[in-house]
Amino acid sequence: MTITSGGDNLGVYIPYFTAFKSQYLGLVLLVFFLGIIILIELSRWLTKLSSVSEIIEEFERIMVPL
């Protein structure tokens, strides 16, 4: 997801991940992936709420391009 978002993310994350020593890189990647999973699950949970789902459907033509 980060890679497909654009080159600006690559410009931030590549130096960020290369700055860590190899002993810490696994922990950093674990925290990074856990954060992504939490955001995905939170998004999935929010879309199951009928009030949020109705708002998303009402404004999807505006939100999707943004």
PDB file of N, CA and C in Angstrom:
ATOM      1  N   MET A   1       0.829  -1.188   0.000  1.00  0.00           N
ATOM      2  CA  MET A   1       0.000   0.000   0.000  1.00  0.00           C
ATOM      3  C   MET A   1       0.874   1.252   0.000  1.00  0.00           C
ATOM      4  N   THR A   2       1.925   1.225   0.762  1.00  0.00           N
ATOM      5  CA  THR A   2       2.819   2.374   0.818  1.00  0.00           C
ATOM      6  C   THR A   2       3.503   2.611  -0.514  1.00  0.00           C
ATOM      7  N   ILE A   3       3.914   1.539  -1.175  1.00  0.00           N
ATOM      8  CA  ILE A   3       4.612   1.674  -2.448  1.00  0.00           C
ATOM      9  C   ILE A   3       3.676   2.213  -3.521  1.00  0.00           C
ATOM     10  N   THR A   4       2.431   1.772  -3.527  1.00  0.00           N
ATOM     11  CA  THR A   4       1.500   2.219  -4.554  1.00  0.00           C
ATOM     12  C   THR A   4       1.002   3.644  -4.326  1.00  0.00           C
ATOM     13  N   SER A   5       1.235   4.202  -3.163  1.00  0.00           N
ATOM     14  CA  SER A   5       0.770   5.563  -2.880  1.00  0.00           C
ATOM     15  C   SER A   5       1.611   6.626  -3.571  1.00  0.00           C
ATOM     16  N   GLY A   6       2.803   6.296  -3.979  1.00  0.00           N
ATOM     17  CA  GLY A   6       3.590   7.262  -4.725  1.00  0.00           C
ATOM     18  C   GLY A   6       5.032   7.324  -4.296  1.00  0.00           C
ATOM     19  N   GLY A   7       5.797   8.035  -5.094  1.00  0.00           N
ATOM     20  CA  GLY A   7       7.221   8.156  -4.858  1.00  0.00           C
ATOM     21  C   GLY A   7       7.582   8.944  -3.613  1.00  0.00           C
ATOM     22  N   ASP A   8       6.700   9.843  -3.198  1.00  0.00           N
ATOM     23  CA  ASP A   8       7.014  10.619  -1.999  1.00  0.00           C
ATOM     24  C   ASP A   8       7.114   9.720  -0.772  1.00  0.00           C
ATOM     25  N   ASN A   9       6.285   8.686  -0.711  1.00  0.00           N
ATOM     26  CA  ASN A   9       6.386   7.742   0.404  1.00  0.00           C
ATOM     27  C   ASN A   9       7.684   6.953   0.334  1.00  0.00           C
ATOM     28  N   LEU A  10       8.090   6.584  -0.866  1.00  0.00           N
ATOM     29  CA  LEU A  10       9.355   5.869  -1.011  1.00  0.00           C
ATOM     30  C   LEU A  10      10.524   6.744  -0.568  1.00  0.00           C
ATOM     31  N   GLY A  11      10.446   8.030  -0.867  1.00  0.00           N
ATOM     32  CA  GLY A  11      11.493   8.957  -0.456  1.00  0.00           C
ATOM     33  C   GLY A  11      11.603   9.106   1.043  1.00  0.00           C
ATOM     34  N   VAL A  12      10.536   8.810   1.749  1.00  0.00           N
ATOM     35  CA  VAL A  12      10.547   8.885   3.213  1.00  0.00           C
ATOM     36  C   VAL A  12      10.918   7.547   3.829  1.00  0.00           C
ATOM     37  N   TYR A  13      10.289   6.479   3.357  1.00  0.00           N
ATOM     38  CA  TYR A  13      10.444   5.187   4.019  1.00  0.00           C
ATOM     39  C   TYR A  13      11.772   4.499   3.736  1.00  0.00           C
ATOM     40  N   ILE A  14      12.327   4.633   2.554  1.00  0.00           N
ATOM     41  CA  ILE A  14      13.597   3.967   2.262  1.00  0.00           C
ATOM     42  C   ILE A  14      14.713   4.490   3.168  1.00  0.00           C
ATOM     43  N   PRO A  15      14.912   5.802   3.292  1.00  0.00           N
ATOM     44  CA  PRO A  15      15.944   6.257   4.233  1.00  0.00           C
ATOM     45  C   PRO A  15      15.605   5.905   5.686  1.00  0.00           C
ATOM     46  N   TYR A  16      14.322   5.911   6.009  1.00  0.00           N
ATOM     47  CA  TYR A  16      13.911   5.580   7.375  1.00  0.00           C
ATOM     48  C   TYR A  16      14.295   4.156   7.730  1.00  0.00           C
ATOM     49  N   PHE A  17      14.005   3.215   6.841  1.00  0.00           N
ATOM     50  CA  PHE A  17      14.298   1.815   7.132  1.00  0.00           C
ATOM     51  C   PHE A  17      15.783   1.496   7.014  1.00  0.00           C
ATOM     52  N   THR A  18      16.516   2.171   6.148  1.00  0.00           N
ATOM     53  CA  THR A  18      17.939   1.885   6.015  1.00  0.00           C
ATOM     54  C   THR A  18      18.759   2.471   7.159  1.00  0.00           C
ATOM     55  N   ALA A  19      18.188   3.395   7.914  1.00  0.00           N
ATOM     56  CA  ALA A  19      18.917   4.001   9.027  1.00  0.00           C
ATOM     57  C   ALA A  19      19.014   3.081  10.240  1.00  0.00           C
ATOM     58  N   PHE A  20      18.194   2.042  10.300  1.00  0.00           N
ATOM     59  CA  PHE A  20      18.201   1.144  11.445  1.00  0.00           C
ATOM     60  C   PHE A  20      19.263   0.059  11.296  1.00  0.00           C
ATOM     61  N   LYS A  21      19.821  -0.322  12.425  1.00  0.00           N
ATOM     62  CA  LYS A  21      20.719  -1.466  12.435  1.00  0.00           C
ATOM     63  C   LYS A  21      19.884  -2.719  12.200  1.00  0.00           C
ATOM     64  N   SER A  22      20.520  -3.739  11.680  1.00  0.00           N
ATOM     65  CA  SER A  22      19.778  -4.948  11.313  1.00  0.00           C
ATOM     66  C   SER A  22      19.086  -5.597  12.505  1.00  0.00           C
ATOM     67  N   GLN A  23      19.615  -5.426  13.700  1.00  0.00           N
ATOM     68  CA  GLN A  23      18.979  -6.029  14.872  1.00  0.00           C
ATOM     69  C   GLN A  23      17.653  -5.362  15.216  1.00  0.00           C
ATOM     70  N   TYR A  24      17.468  -4.118  14.833  1.00  0.00           N
ATOM     71  CA  TYR A  24      16.228  -3.402  15.128  1.00  0.00           C
ATOM     72  C   TYR A  24      15.248  -3.404  13.954  1.00  0.00           C
ATOM     73  N   LEU A  25      15.733  -3.725  12.779  1.00  0.00           N
ATOM     74  CA  LEU A  25      14.903  -3.649  11.581  1.00  0.00           C
ATOM     75  C   LEU A  25      13.688  -4.565  11.664  1.00  0.00           C
ATOM     76  N   GLY A  26      13.853  -5.749  12.196  1.00  0.00           N
ATOM     77  CA  GLY A  26      12.726  -6.671  12.339  1.00  0.00           C
ATOM     78  C   GLY A  26      11.642  -6.103  13.232  1.00  0.00           C
ATOM     79  N   LEU A  27      12.050  -5.493  14.333  1.00  0.00           N
ATOM     80  CA  LEU A  27      11.077  -4.879  15.247  1.00  0.00           C
ATOM     81  C   LEU A  27      10.376  -3.698  14.592  1.00  0.00           C
ATOM     82  N   VAL A  28      11.119  -2.893  13.870  1.00  0.00           N
ATOM     83  CA  VAL A  28      10.530  -1.735  13.184  1.00  0.00           C
ATOM     84  C   VAL A  28       9.533  -2.199  12.132  1.00  0.00           C
ATOM     85  N   LEU A  29       9.891  -3.217  11.364  1.00  0.00           N
ATOM     86  CA  LEU A  29       8.972  -3.741  10.343  1.00  0.00           C
ATOM     87  C   LEU A  29       7.727  -4.346  10.976  1.00  0.00           C
ATOM     88  N   LEU A  30       7.884  -5.027  12.105  1.00  0.00           N
ATOM     89  CA  LEU A  30       6.745  -5.598  12.804  1.00  0.00           C
ATOM     90  C   LEU A  30       5.783  -4.508  13.252  1.00  0.00           C
ATOM     91  N   VAL A  31       6.307  -3.454  13.853  1.00  0.00           N
ATOM     92  CA  VAL A  31       5.456  -2.336  14.299  1.00  0.00           C
ATOM     93  C   VAL A  31       4.799  -1.664  13.099  1.00  0.00           C
ATOM     94  N   PHE A  32       5.531  -1.494  12.017  1.00  0.00           N
ATOM     95  CA  PHE A  32       4.996  -0.885  10.807  1.00  0.00           C
ATOM     96  C   PHE A  32       3.825  -1.700  10.257  1.00  0.00           C
ATOM     97  N   PHE A  33       4.017  -3.022  10.138  1.00  0.00           N
ATOM     98  CA  PHE A  33       2.957  -3.876   9.602  1.00  0.00           C
ATOM     99  C   PHE A  33       1.774  -3.980  10.560  1.00  0.00           C
ATOM    100  N   LEU A  34       2.024  -3.983  11.853  1.00  0.00           N
ATOM    101  CA  LEU A  34       0.915  -3.988  12.822  1.00  0.00           C
ATOM    102  C   LEU A  34       0.092  -2.712  12.703  1.00  0.00           C
ATOM    103  N   GLY A  35       0.762  -1.591  12.495  1.00  0.00           N
ATOM    104  CA  GLY A  35       0.044  -0.330  12.298  1.00  0.00           C
ATOM    105  C   GLY A  35      -0.829  -0.356  11.059  1.00  0.00           C
ATOM    106  N   ILE A  36      -0.324  -0.933   9.986  1.00  0.00           N
ATOM    107  CA  ILE A  36      -1.109  -1.049   8.756  1.00  0.00           C
ATOM    108  C   ILE A  36      -2.320  -1.948   8.984  1.00  0.00           C
ATOM    109  N   ILE A  37      -2.111  -3.081   9.659  1.00  0.00           N
ATOM    110  CA  ILE A  37      -3.222  -3.995   9.937  1.00  0.00           C
ATOM    111  C   ILE A  37      -4.273  -3.327  10.805  1.00  0.00           C
ATOM    112  N   ILE A  38      -3.849  -2.580  11.806  1.00  0.00           N
ATOM    113  CA  ILE A  38      -4.804  -1.884  12.676  1.00  0.00           C
ATOM    114  C   ILE A  38      -5.618  -0.868  11.879  1.00  0.00           C
ATOM    115  N   LEU A  39      -4.961  -0.103  11.007  1.00  0.00           N
ATOM    116  CA  LEU A  39      -5.687   0.882  10.199  1.00  0.00           C
ATOM    117  C   LEU A  39      -6.667   0.223   9.239  1.00  0.00           C
ATOM    118  N   ILE A  40      -6.285  -0.895   8.654  1.00  0.00           N
ATOM    119  CA  ILE A  40      -7.186  -1.601   7.741  1.00  0.00           C
ATOM    120  C   ILE A  40      -8.396  -2.142   8.489  1.00  0.00           C
ATOM    121  N   GLU A  41      -8.160  -2.748   9.644  1.00  0.00           N
ATOM    122  CA  GLU A  41      -9.276  -3.293  10.423  1.00  0.00           C
ATOM    123  C   GLU A  41     -10.184  -2.187  10.957  1.00  0.00           C
ATOM    124  N   LEU A  42      -9.608  -1.059  11.360  1.00  0.00           N
ATOM    125  CA  LEU A  42     -10.416   0.075  11.809  1.00  0.00           C
ATOM    126  C   LEU A  42     -11.276   0.595  10.667  1.00  0.00           C
ATOM    127  N   SER A  43     -10.710   0.676   9.482  1.00  0.00           N
ATOM    128  CA  SER A  43     -11.479   1.114   8.313  1.00  0.00           C
ATOM    129  C   SER A  43     -12.604   0.143   8.001  1.00  0.00           C
ATOM    130  N   ARG A  44     -12.305  -1.136   8.078  1.00  0.00           N
ATOM    131  CA  ARG A  44     -13.327  -2.155   7.810  1.00  0.00           C
ATOM    132  C   ARG A  44     -14.453  -2.059   8.836  1.00  0.00           C
ATOM    133  N   TRP A  45     -14.102  -1.860  10.105  1.00  0.00           N
ATOM    134  CA  TRP A  45     -15.101  -1.751  11.161  1.00  0.00           C
ATOM    135  C   TRP A  45     -15.959  -0.500  10.969  1.00  0.00           C
ATOM    136  N   LEU A  46     -15.335   0.614  10.611  1.00  0.00           N
ATOM    137  CA  LEU A  46     -16.089   1.856  10.423  1.00  0.00           C
ATOM    138  C   LEU A  46     -17.072   1.754   9.263  1.00  0.00           C
ATOM    139  N   THR A  47     -16.698   1.057   8.205  1.00  0.00           N
ATOM    140  CA  THR A  47     -17.607   0.953   7.070  1.00  0.00           C
ATOM    141  C   THR A  47     -18.789   0.040   7.354  1.00  0.00           C
ATOM    142  N   LYS A  48     -18.698  -0.785   8.374  1.00  0.00           N
ATOM    143  CA  LYS A  48     -19.822  -1.644   8.735  1.00  0.00           C
ATOM    144  C   LYS A  48     -20.873  -0.894   9.551  1.00  0.00           C
ATOM    145  N   LEU A  49     -20.513   0.247  10.107  1.00  0.00           N
ATOM    146  CA  LEU A  49     -21.488   1.068  10.821  1.00  0.00           C
ATOM    147  C   LEU A  49     -22.394   1.739   9.799  1.00  0.00           C
ATOM    148  N   SER A  50     -23.691   1.604   9.998  1.00  0.00           N
ATOM    149  CA  SER A  50     -24.623   2.110   8.980  1.00  0.00           C
ATOM    150  C   SER A  50     -24.527   3.622   8.801  1.00  0.00           C
ATOM    151  N   SER A  51     -24.333   4.372   9.868  1.00  0.00           N
ATOM    152  CA  SER A  51     -24.273   5.832   9.726  1.00  0.00           C
ATOM    153  C   SER A  51     -23.027   6.256   8.953  1.00  0.00           C
ATOM    154  N   VAL A  52     -21.906   5.618   9.210  1.00  0.00           N
ATOM    155  CA  VAL A  52     -20.676   5.943   8.486  1.00  0.00           C
ATOM    156  C   VAL A  52     -20.790   5.479   7.041  1.00  0.00           C
ATOM    157  N   SER A  53     -21.364   4.310   6.835  1.00  0.00           N
ATOM    158  CA  SER A  53     -21.534   3.780   5.487  1.00  0.00           C
ATOM    159  C   SER A  53     -22.409   4.691   4.635  1.00  0.00           C
ATOM    160  N   GLU A  54     -23.458   5.234   5.218  1.00  0.00           N
ATOM    161  CA  GLU A  54     -24.338   6.147   4.481  1.00  0.00           C
ATOM    162  C   GLU A  54     -23.607   7.425   4.095  1.00  0.00           C
ATOM    163  N   ILE A  55     -22.791   7.946   4.987  1.00  0.00           N
ATOM    164  CA  ILE A  55     -22.025   9.165   4.689  1.00  0.00           C
ATOM    165  C   ILE A  55     -21.023   8.894   3.571  1.00  0.00           C
ATOM    166  N   ILE A  56     -20.359   7.747   3.647  1.00  0.00           N
ATOM    167  CA  ILE A  56     -19.395   7.397   2.603  1.00  0.00           C
ATOM    168  C   ILE A  56     -20.084   7.268   1.254  1.00  0.00           C
ATOM    169  N   GLU A  57     -21.224   6.603   1.214  1.00  0.00           N
ATOM    170  CA  GLU A  57     -21.948   6.450  -0.042  1.00  0.00           C
ATOM    171  C   GLU A  57     -22.436   7.787  -0.583  1.00  0.00           C
ATOM    172  N   GLU A  58     -22.800   8.693   0.302  1.00  0.00           N
ATOM    173  CA  GLU A  58     -23.308   9.992  -0.127  1.00  0.00           C
ATOM    174  C   GLU A  58     -22.199  10.849  -0.747  1.00  0.00           C
ATOM    175  N   PHE A  59     -21.008  10.778  -0.179  1.00  0.00           N
ATOM    176  CA  PHE A  59     -19.923  11.652  -0.627  1.00  0.00           C
ATOM    177  C   PHE A  59     -18.804  10.910  -1.358  1.00  0.00           C
ATOM    178  N   GLU A  60     -19.050   9.680  -1.816  1.00  0.00           N
ATOM    179  CA  GLU A  60     -17.988   8.897  -2.433  1.00  0.00           C
ATOM    180  C   GLU A  60     -17.437   9.526  -3.699  1.00  0.00           C
ATOM    181  N   ARG A  61     -18.263  10.246  -4.446  1.00  0.00           N
ATOM    182  CA  ARG A  61     -17.785  10.886  -5.671  1.00  0.00           C
ATOM    183  C   ARG A  61     -16.773  11.981  -5.381  1.00  0.00           C
ATOM    184  N   ILE A  62     -16.853  12.547  -4.201  1.00  0.00           N
ATOM    185  CA  ILE A  62     -15.899  13.587  -3.811  1.00  0.00           C
ATOM    186  C   ILE A  62     -14.675  12.964  -3.150  1.00  0.00           C
ATOM    187  N   MET A  63     -14.906  11.969  -2.273  1.00  0.00           N
ATOM    188  CA  MET A  63     -13.821  11.394  -1.469  1.00  0.00           C
ATOM    189  C   MET A  63     -12.861  10.540  -2.278  1.00  0.00           C
ATOM    190  N   VAL A  64     -13.359   9.775  -3.229  1.00  0.00           N
ATOM    191  CA  VAL A  64     -12.493   8.835  -3.963  1.00  0.00           C
ATOM    192  C   VAL A  64     -11.393   9.565  -4.736  1.00  0.00           C
ATOM    193  N   PRO A  65     -11.698  10.615  -5.481  1.00  0.00           N
ATOM    194  CA  PRO A  65     -10.607  11.309  -6.174  1.00  0.00           C
ATOM    195  C   PRO A  65      -9.611  11.972  -5.221  1.00  0.00           C
ATOM    196  N   LEU A  66     -10.099  12.413  -4.063  1.00  0.00           N
ATOM    197  CA  LEU A  66      -9.185  13.037  -3.104  1.00  0.00           C
ATOM    198  C   LEU A  66      -8.227  12.019  -2.559  1.00  0.00           C
TER     199      LEU A  66
END
